[in-house]
Amino acid sequence: MSHDQFSRSERLPAPCIIDTGTVVNKQDMLRLLADLSRVRYSHMQDGVLASEGEGHVLEVFADPQRSTLIANHALYLNVHSFDYLELGKSLEQEPWFNLIQDDRQLRLIPLSNPMIEQNHHRLNVAALEAVVAEVLSANWDVQIDDEEHFSF
């Protein structure tokens, strides 16, 4: 067995993080944060609360040339602005996400549930499809009525 074959067969499995842990992979951080919608945030600098508020996560991206921005209740999160993400739960079992970079911590607490929002999205799609079907049906009825009135 060569050294390459041995090292391939001895590789560690990918991490498995369930509800609590530390995420360092930028793609994993992107995937976790992409599901966030409405959040409460707190920004700690050197252990001191610098700001806090509520907002809506409008974009999550990975670009070493762009900034993380929080203003006017809008959050644009760049995972390259942070070294890692800590994932945990409060005493009330509510999830939180800590984005850490040196002595800076940005804690995000979801105010919306992706399971509920996914069901709401499905409901909106179904309602939209029903409205479109009704409009198309009404359009066909108008065309048929017009043909009956103009036939000789």
N, C-alpha and C. Protein backbone atom coordinates (compact mmCIF):
# COMPACT_ATOMS: atom_id res chain seq x y z
N MET A 1 0.86 -1.17 0.00
CA MET A 1 0.00 0.00 0.00
C MET A 1 0.90 1.23 0.00
N SER A 2 0.65 2.14 -0.93
CA SER A 2 1.46 3.35 -1.00
C SER A 2 0.99 4.36 0.06
N HIS A 3 1.82 5.38 0.26
CA HIS A 3 1.49 6.42 1.24
C HIS A 3 0.20 7.13 0.86
N ASP A 4 -0.01 7.43 -0.46
CA ASP A 4 -1.22 8.12 -0.90
C ASP A 4 -2.47 7.30 -0.64
N GLN A 5 -2.40 5.99 -0.91
CA GLN A 5 -3.56 5.13 -0.66
C GLN A 5 -3.86 5.08 0.83
N PHE A 6 -2.83 5.01 1.64
CA PHE A 6 -3.04 4.96 3.09
C PHE A 6 -3.67 6.26 3.59
N SER A 7 -3.17 7.42 3.13
CA SER A 7 -3.70 8.69 3.62
C SER A 7 -5.14 8.90 3.17
N ARG A 8 -5.48 8.43 1.97
CA ARG A 8 -6.88 8.56 1.51
C ARG A 8 -7.82 7.72 2.34
N SER A 9 -7.40 6.50 2.65
CA SER A 9 -8.29 5.61 3.40
C SER A 9 -8.39 6.01 4.87
N GLU A 10 -7.41 6.78 5.38
CA GLU A 10 -7.40 7.19 6.78
C GLU A 10 -7.95 8.60 7.01
N ARG A 11 -8.51 9.22 5.99
CA ARG A 11 -9.05 10.58 6.15
C ARG A 11 -10.21 10.56 7.13
N LEU A 12 -10.29 11.63 7.85
CA LEU A 12 -11.38 11.77 8.82
C LEU A 12 -12.68 12.07 8.09
N PRO A 13 -13.80 11.64 8.64
CA PRO A 13 -15.08 11.98 8.02
C PRO A 13 -15.36 13.48 8.18
N ALA A 14 -16.24 13.99 7.34
CA ALA A 14 -16.64 15.39 7.44
C ALA A 14 -17.31 15.62 8.79
N PRO A 15 -17.17 16.82 9.34
CA PRO A 15 -17.80 17.11 10.64
C PRO A 15 -19.33 16.97 10.57
N CYS A 16 -19.90 16.63 11.68
CA CYS A 16 -21.36 16.56 11.83
C CYS A 16 -21.71 17.41 13.04
N ILE A 17 -22.38 18.51 12.82
CA ILE A 17 -22.72 19.44 13.90
C ILE A 17 -24.24 19.48 14.00
N ILE A 18 -24.74 19.19 15.19
CA ILE A 18 -26.18 19.17 15.40
C ILE A 18 -26.52 20.11 16.55
N ASP A 19 -27.11 21.23 16.21
CA ASP A 19 -27.62 22.24 17.14
C ASP A 19 -26.54 23.05 17.88
N THR A 20 -25.39 22.47 18.20
CA THR A 20 -24.34 23.23 18.87
C THR A 20 -22.99 22.85 18.29
N GLY A 21 -22.09 23.83 18.21
CA GLY A 21 -20.75 23.54 17.73
C GLY A 21 -20.12 24.75 17.08
N THR A 22 -18.94 24.54 16.52
CA THR A 22 -18.18 25.60 15.87
C THR A 22 -18.02 25.25 14.40
N VAL A 23 -18.34 26.20 13.54
CA VAL A 23 -18.25 26.01 12.09
C VAL A 23 -17.16 26.94 11.56
N VAL A 24 -16.18 26.36 10.88
CA VAL A 24 -15.10 27.17 10.33
C VAL A 24 -15.15 27.22 8.80
N ASN A 25 -15.78 26.25 8.18
CA ASN A 25 -15.87 26.20 6.72
C ASN A 25 -16.82 27.29 6.23
N LYS A 26 -16.34 28.13 5.33
CA LYS A 26 -17.14 29.27 4.84
C LYS A 26 -18.40 28.81 4.11
N GLN A 27 -18.33 27.72 3.36
CA GLN A 27 -19.53 27.22 2.67
C GLN A 27 -20.58 26.75 3.68
N ASP A 28 -20.14 26.09 4.75
CA ASP A 28 -21.08 25.67 5.79
C ASP A 28 -21.69 26.88 6.48
N MET A 29 -20.88 27.91 6.71
CA MET A 29 -21.40 29.13 7.32
C MET A 29 -22.46 29.76 6.41
N LEU A 30 -22.18 29.79 5.12
CA LEU A 30 -23.15 30.32 4.15
C LEU A 30 -24.46 29.57 4.22
N ARG A 31 -24.38 28.24 4.23
CA ARG A 31 -25.59 27.42 4.25
C ARG A 31 -26.43 27.66 5.50
N LEU A 32 -25.76 27.78 6.64
CA LEU A 32 -26.49 28.02 7.89
C LEU A 32 -27.17 29.39 7.90
N LEU A 33 -26.44 30.39 7.47
CA LEU A 33 -26.96 31.76 7.55
C LEU A 33 -27.99 32.06 6.46
N ALA A 34 -27.94 31.33 5.35
CA ALA A 34 -28.86 31.59 4.24
C ALA A 34 -30.32 31.35 4.61
N ASP A 35 -30.57 30.51 5.62
CA ASP A 35 -31.94 30.22 6.04
C ASP A 35 -32.52 31.29 6.95
N LEU A 36 -31.68 32.21 7.40
CA LEU A 36 -32.17 33.24 8.31
C LEU A 36 -32.99 34.27 7.56
N SER A 37 -33.96 34.79 8.24
CA SER A 37 -34.81 35.83 7.67
C SER A 37 -34.83 37.01 8.63
N ARG A 38 -35.81 37.06 9.50
CA ARG A 38 -35.85 38.11 10.52
C ARG A 38 -35.00 37.67 11.70
N VAL A 39 -34.18 38.60 12.21
CA VAL A 39 -33.29 38.28 13.34
C VAL A 39 -33.24 39.44 14.32
N ARG A 40 -32.87 39.08 15.54
CA ARG A 40 -32.45 40.07 16.53
C ARG A 40 -30.93 39.93 16.57
N TYR A 41 -30.22 41.03 16.59
CA TYR A 41 -28.76 40.96 16.59
C TYR A 41 -28.19 41.79 17.73
N SER A 42 -27.02 41.36 18.17
CA SER A 42 -26.26 42.15 19.13
C SER A 42 -24.79 42.08 18.71
N HIS A 43 -24.17 43.25 18.73
CA HIS A 43 -22.78 43.38 18.32
C HIS A 43 -21.95 43.69 19.56
N MET A 44 -21.04 42.77 19.89
CA MET A 44 -20.16 42.95 21.04
C MET A 44 -18.75 43.21 20.52
N GLN A 45 -18.10 44.24 21.09
CA GLN A 45 -16.71 44.55 20.75
C GLN A 45 -15.92 44.54 22.04
N ASP A 46 -14.91 43.69 22.15
CA ASP A 46 -14.11 43.56 23.37
C ASP A 46 -14.97 43.28 24.60
N GLY A 47 -16.03 42.47 24.42
CA GLY A 47 -16.90 42.11 25.52
C GLY A 47 -17.91 43.16 25.92
N VAL A 48 -17.96 44.28 25.20
CA VAL A 48 -18.88 45.38 25.51
C VAL A 48 -19.92 45.46 24.40
N LEU A 49 -21.19 45.59 24.80
CA LEU A 49 -22.27 45.72 23.82
C LEU A 49 -22.10 47.03 23.05
N ALA A 50 -21.90 46.92 21.74
CA ALA A 50 -21.71 48.10 20.90
C ALA A 50 -23.02 48.52 20.24
N SER A 51 -23.84 47.57 19.86
CA SER A 51 -25.14 47.89 19.26
C SER A 51 -26.01 46.63 19.25
N GLU A 52 -27.30 46.87 19.10
CA GLU A 52 -28.25 45.77 19.00
C GLU A 52 -29.49 46.26 18.29
N GLY A 53 -30.26 45.34 17.77
CA GLY A 53 -31.47 45.70 17.07
C GLY A 53 -32.11 44.48 16.42
N GLU A 54 -33.09 44.77 15.57
CA GLU A 54 -33.76 43.73 14.79
C GLU A 54 -33.63 44.08 13.34
N GLY A 55 -33.62 43.07 12.51
CA GLY A 55 -33.51 43.32 11.08
C GLY A 55 -33.84 42.09 10.26
N HIS A 56 -33.67 42.25 8.98
CA HIS A 56 -33.96 41.19 8.02
C HIS A 56 -32.67 40.87 7.27
N VAL A 57 -32.29 39.61 7.23
CA VAL A 57 -31.10 39.18 6.49
C VAL A 57 -31.46 39.21 5.00
N LEU A 58 -30.90 40.17 4.29
CA LEU A 58 -31.21 40.33 2.88
C LEU A 58 -30.25 39.59 1.97
N GLU A 59 -29.00 39.41 2.44
CA GLU A 59 -28.01 38.72 1.61
C GLU A 59 -26.96 38.09 2.51
N VAL A 60 -26.55 36.88 2.13
CA VAL A 60 -25.43 36.20 2.77
C VAL A 60 -24.50 35.80 1.63
N PHE A 61 -23.22 36.17 1.74
CA PHE A 61 -22.29 35.95 0.64
C PHE A 61 -20.88 35.72 1.16
N ALA A 62 -19.99 35.30 0.27
CA ALA A 62 -18.59 35.07 0.60
C ALA A 62 -17.74 35.81 -0.42
N ASP A 63 -17.22 36.97 -0.01
CA ASP A 63 -16.40 37.78 -0.91
C ASP A 63 -15.38 38.54 -0.06
N PRO A 64 -14.10 38.22 -0.21
CA PRO A 64 -13.09 38.87 0.63
C PRO A 64 -12.95 40.37 0.37
N GLN A 65 -13.56 40.89 -0.67
CA GLN A 65 -13.45 42.31 -1.02
C GLN A 65 -14.64 43.14 -0.55
N ARG A 66 -15.68 42.49 -0.03
CA ARG A 66 -16.89 43.24 0.36
C ARG A 66 -17.08 43.18 1.87
N SER A 67 -17.87 44.11 2.38
CA SER A 67 -18.09 44.25 3.82
C SER A 67 -19.38 43.57 4.27
N THR A 68 -19.42 43.22 5.54
CA THR A 68 -20.68 42.91 6.20
C THR A 68 -21.29 44.27 6.56
N LEU A 69 -22.55 44.45 6.24
CA LEU A 69 -23.22 45.73 6.51
C LEU A 69 -24.52 45.49 7.27
N ILE A 70 -24.74 46.30 8.28
CA ILE A 70 -26.00 46.28 9.02
C ILE A 70 -26.43 47.73 9.17
N ALA A 71 -27.54 48.06 8.54
CA ALA A 71 -28.07 49.42 8.60
C ALA A 71 -29.54 49.40 8.20
N ASN A 72 -30.32 50.30 8.79
CA ASN A 72 -31.71 50.47 8.41
C ASN A 72 -32.48 49.14 8.46
N HIS A 73 -32.22 48.32 9.48
CA HIS A 73 -32.88 47.03 9.70
C HIS A 73 -32.58 46.01 8.61
N ALA A 74 -31.54 46.22 7.83
CA ALA A 74 -31.13 45.29 6.78
C ALA A 74 -29.75 44.74 7.11
N LEU A 75 -29.57 43.42 6.94
CA LEU A 75 -28.29 42.77 7.20
C LEU A 75 -27.77 42.15 5.92
N TYR A 76 -26.55 42.51 5.58
CA TYR A 76 -25.82 41.93 4.45
C TYR A 76 -24.59 41.27 5.07
N LEU A 77 -24.61 39.96 5.15
CA LEU A 77 -23.59 39.22 5.90
C LEU A 77 -22.57 38.58 4.97
N ASN A 78 -21.31 38.92 5.17
CA ASN A 78 -20.21 38.34 4.42
C ASN A 78 -19.46 37.39 5.35
N VAL A 79 -19.46 36.10 5.03
CA VAL A 79 -18.80 35.13 5.92
C VAL A 79 -17.30 35.36 5.99
N HIS A 80 -16.73 36.07 5.01
CA HIS A 80 -15.30 36.38 5.07
C HIS A 80 -14.99 37.48 6.09
N SER A 81 -16.01 38.11 6.65
CA SER A 81 -15.80 39.10 7.70
C SER A 81 -15.54 38.45 9.05
N PHE A 82 -15.69 37.12 9.12
CA PHE A 82 -15.61 36.41 10.40
C PHE A 82 -14.70 35.20 10.29
N ASP A 83 -14.07 34.86 11.41
CA ASP A 83 -13.18 33.70 11.46
C ASP A 83 -13.96 32.39 11.56
N TYR A 84 -15.03 32.41 12.35
CA TYR A 84 -15.83 31.20 12.52
C TYR A 84 -17.21 31.55 13.04
N LEU A 85 -18.07 30.55 13.09
CA LEU A 85 -19.44 30.70 13.56
C LEU A 85 -19.66 29.70 14.69
N GLU A 86 -20.19 30.18 15.80
CA GLU A 86 -20.59 29.30 16.89
C GLU A 86 -22.10 29.13 16.81
N LEU A 87 -22.53 27.92 16.96
CA LEU A 87 -23.94 27.58 16.87
C LEU A 87 -24.37 27.05 18.23
N GLY A 88 -25.47 27.55 18.76
CA GLY A 88 -25.91 27.08 20.06
C GLY A 88 -27.39 27.34 20.29
N LYS A 89 -27.83 27.04 21.51
CA LYS A 89 -29.22 27.24 21.91
C LYS A 89 -29.27 27.92 23.26
N SER A 90 -30.27 28.76 23.43
CA SER A 90 -30.48 29.44 24.70
C SER A 90 -31.08 28.46 25.71
N LEU A 91 -31.26 28.92 26.94
CA LEU A 91 -31.90 28.10 27.97
C LEU A 91 -33.32 27.72 27.57
N GLU A 92 -33.95 28.59 26.76
CA GLU A 92 -35.31 28.33 26.28
C GLU A 92 -35.33 27.47 25.01
N GLN A 93 -34.14 26.96 24.63
CA GLN A 93 -33.96 26.11 23.45
C GLN A 93 -34.15 26.84 22.13
N GLU A 94 -33.97 28.16 22.16
CA GLU A 94 -34.02 28.95 20.94
C GLU A 94 -32.61 29.02 20.34
N PRO A 95 -32.48 28.85 19.02
CA PRO A 95 -31.14 28.85 18.41
C PRO A 95 -30.53 30.24 18.35
N TRP A 96 -29.20 30.28 18.38
CA TRP A 96 -28.45 31.52 18.15
C TRP A 96 -27.21 31.19 17.33
N PHE A 97 -26.71 32.20 16.64
CA PHE A 97 -25.53 32.08 15.79
C PHE A 97 -24.58 33.21 16.18
N ASN A 98 -23.38 32.87 16.62
CA ASN A 98 -22.37 33.87 16.94
C ASN A 98 -21.34 33.88 15.82
N LEU A 99 -21.20 35.01 15.17
CA LEU A 99 -20.16 35.20 14.17
C LEU A 99 -19.00 35.88 14.88
N ILE A 100 -17.82 35.24 14.86
CA ILE A 100 -16.69 35.69 15.65
C ILE A 100 -15.53 36.11 14.74
N GLN A 101 -14.94 37.26 15.07
CA GLN A 101 -13.74 37.74 14.40
C GLN A 101 -12.93 38.50 15.44
N ASP A 102 -11.82 37.93 15.84
CA ASP A 102 -10.96 38.51 16.89
C ASP A 102 -11.80 38.82 18.13
N ASP A 103 -11.87 40.09 18.54
CA ASP A 103 -12.62 40.48 19.74
C ASP A 103 -14.02 40.98 19.42
N ARG A 104 -14.49 40.67 18.21
CA ARG A 104 -15.83 41.11 17.77
C ARG A 104 -16.74 39.88 17.71
N GLN A 105 -17.97 40.06 18.20
CA GLN A 105 -18.98 39.00 18.12
C GLN A 105 -20.28 39.61 17.63
N LEU A 106 -20.84 39.01 16.60
CA LEU A 106 -22.16 39.39 16.12
C LEU A 106 -23.08 38.21 16.38
N ARG A 107 -23.98 38.38 17.34
CA ARG A 107 -24.94 37.30 17.66
C ARG A 107 -26.22 37.55 16.89
N LEU A 108 -26.68 36.51 16.22
CA LEU A 108 -27.94 36.54 15.48
C LEU A 108 -28.90 35.56 16.13
N ILE A 109 -30.08 36.05 16.47
CA ILE A 109 -31.12 35.21 17.06
C ILE A 109 -32.30 35.23 16.10
N PRO A 110 -32.61 34.09 15.49
CA PRO A 110 -33.72 34.07 14.52
C PRO A 110 -35.05 34.43 15.18
N LEU A 111 -35.80 35.27 14.49
CA LEU A 111 -37.15 35.63 14.93
C LEU A 111 -38.20 34.93 14.06
N SER A 112 -37.73 34.23 13.05
CA SER A 112 -38.63 33.50 12.17
C SER A 112 -38.16 32.05 12.11
N ASN A 113 -39.09 31.16 11.82
CA ASN A 113 -38.83 29.73 11.77
C ASN A 113 -38.84 29.28 10.32
N PRO A 114 -37.74 28.70 9.80
CA PRO A 114 -37.73 28.30 8.39
C PRO A 114 -38.78 27.24 8.06
N MET A 115 -39.18 26.42 9.02
CA MET A 115 -40.22 25.42 8.76
C MET A 115 -41.56 26.11 8.49
N ILE A 116 -41.87 27.12 9.28
CA ILE A 116 -43.13 27.85 9.10
C ILE A 116 -43.08 28.67 7.82
N GLU A 117 -41.94 29.33 7.58
CA GLU A 117 -41.82 30.14 6.36
C GLU A 117 -41.88 29.29 5.11
N GLN A 118 -41.32 28.07 5.15
CA GLN A 118 -41.39 27.18 4.00
C GLN A 118 -42.83 26.78 3.72
N ASN A 119 -43.59 26.47 4.77
CA ASN A 119 -45.00 26.15 4.60
C ASN A 119 -45.77 27.35 4.09
N HIS A 120 -45.46 28.54 4.61
CA HIS A 120 -46.12 29.76 4.15
C HIS A 120 -45.80 30.01 2.69
N HIS A 121 -44.54 29.77 2.29
CA HIS A 121 -44.13 29.93 0.89
C HIS A 121 -44.91 28.96 0.01
N ARG A 122 -45.03 27.70 0.45
CA ARG A 122 -45.80 26.72 -0.32
C ARG A 122 -47.25 27.17 -0.46
N LEU A 123 -47.81 27.70 0.64
CA LEU A 123 -49.18 28.18 0.61
C LEU A 123 -49.31 29.34 -0.37
N ASN A 124 -48.36 30.26 -0.37
CA ASN A 124 -48.40 31.38 -1.30
C ASN A 124 -48.31 30.91 -2.74
N VAL A 125 -47.49 29.92 -3.02
CA VAL A 125 -47.37 29.38 -4.38
C VAL A 125 -48.69 28.75 -4.79
N ALA A 126 -49.30 27.99 -3.91
CA ALA A 126 -50.58 27.36 -4.22
C ALA A 126 -51.66 28.42 -4.45
N ALA A 127 -51.68 29.44 -3.63
CA ALA A 127 -52.67 30.51 -3.80
C ALA A 127 -52.44 31.25 -5.11
N LEU A 128 -51.18 31.51 -5.43
CA LEU A 128 -50.85 32.18 -6.69
C LEU A 128 -51.26 31.33 -7.89
N GLU A 129 -51.00 30.04 -7.83
CA GLU A 129 -51.40 29.15 -8.92
C GLU A 129 -52.91 29.15 -9.09
N ALA A 130 -53.65 29.17 -7.98
CA ALA A 130 -55.12 29.20 -8.05
C ALA A 130 -55.61 30.49 -8.69
N VAL A 131 -55.00 31.61 -8.33
CA VAL A 131 -55.39 32.90 -8.91
C VAL A 131 -55.08 32.92 -10.41
N VAL A 132 -53.90 32.44 -10.79
CA VAL A 132 -53.54 32.41 -12.21
C VAL A 132 -54.51 31.53 -12.99
N ALA A 133 -54.85 30.36 -12.44
CA ALA A 133 -55.80 29.47 -13.10
C ALA A 133 -57.16 30.15 -13.25
N GLU A 134 -57.58 30.88 -12.23
CA GLU A 134 -58.86 31.59 -12.29
C GLU A 134 -58.84 32.69 -13.35
N VAL A 135 -57.75 33.43 -13.41
CA VAL A 135 -57.62 34.50 -14.40
C VAL A 135 -57.62 33.92 -15.81
N LEU A 136 -56.86 32.84 -16.00
CA LEU A 136 -56.82 32.21 -17.33
C LEU A 136 -58.20 31.68 -17.72
N SER A 137 -58.88 31.09 -16.77
CA SER A 137 -60.23 30.58 -17.03
C SER A 137 -61.17 31.71 -17.39
N ALA A 138 -61.09 32.80 -16.67
CA ALA A 138 -61.94 33.97 -16.96
C ALA A 138 -61.62 34.53 -18.33
N ASN A 139 -60.34 34.53 -18.69
CA ASN A 139 -59.93 35.02 -20.01
C ASN A 139 -60.52 34.15 -21.11
N TRP A 140 -60.50 32.84 -20.91
CA TRP A 140 -61.09 31.94 -21.90
C TRP A 140 -62.60 32.20 -22.02
N ASP A 141 -63.28 32.41 -20.89
CA ASP A 141 -64.71 32.69 -20.90
C ASP A 141 -65.01 33.97 -21.69
N VAL A 142 -64.19 35.00 -21.50
CA VAL A 142 -64.38 36.26 -22.23
C VAL A 142 -64.19 36.03 -23.72
N GLN A 143 -63.19 35.28 -24.10
CA GLN A 143 -62.95 35.01 -25.52
C GLN A 143 -64.11 34.24 -26.13
N ILE A 144 -64.63 33.26 -25.41
CA ILE A 144 -65.77 32.49 -25.92
C ILE A 144 -66.99 33.38 -26.05
N ASP A 145 -67.26 34.24 -25.05
CA ASP A 145 -68.39 35.16 -25.12
C ASP A 145 -68.24 36.11 -26.31
N ASP A 146 -67.05 36.63 -26.53
CA ASP A 146 -66.81 37.54 -27.66
C ASP A 146 -67.07 36.83 -28.96
N GLU A 147 -66.66 35.58 -29.10
CA GLU A 147 -66.87 34.84 -30.35
C GLU A 147 -68.35 34.63 -30.59
N GLU A 148 -69.12 34.37 -29.51
CA GLU A 148 -70.58 34.15 -29.67
C GLU A 148 -71.27 35.42 -30.10
N HIS A 149 -70.86 36.58 -29.61
CA HIS A 149 -71.50 37.85 -29.93
C HIS A 149 -71.17 38.31 -31.35
N PHE A 150 -70.03 37.92 -31.87
CA PHE A 150 -69.62 38.40 -33.18
C PHE A 150 -69.84 37.38 -34.29
N SER A 151 -70.40 36.23 -33.97
CA SER A 151 -70.64 35.25 -35.03
C SER A 151 -71.94 35.58 -35.75
N PHE A 152 -71.97 35.33 -37.06
CA PHE A 152 -73.16 35.65 -37.87
C PHE A 152 -73.96 34.46 -38.18
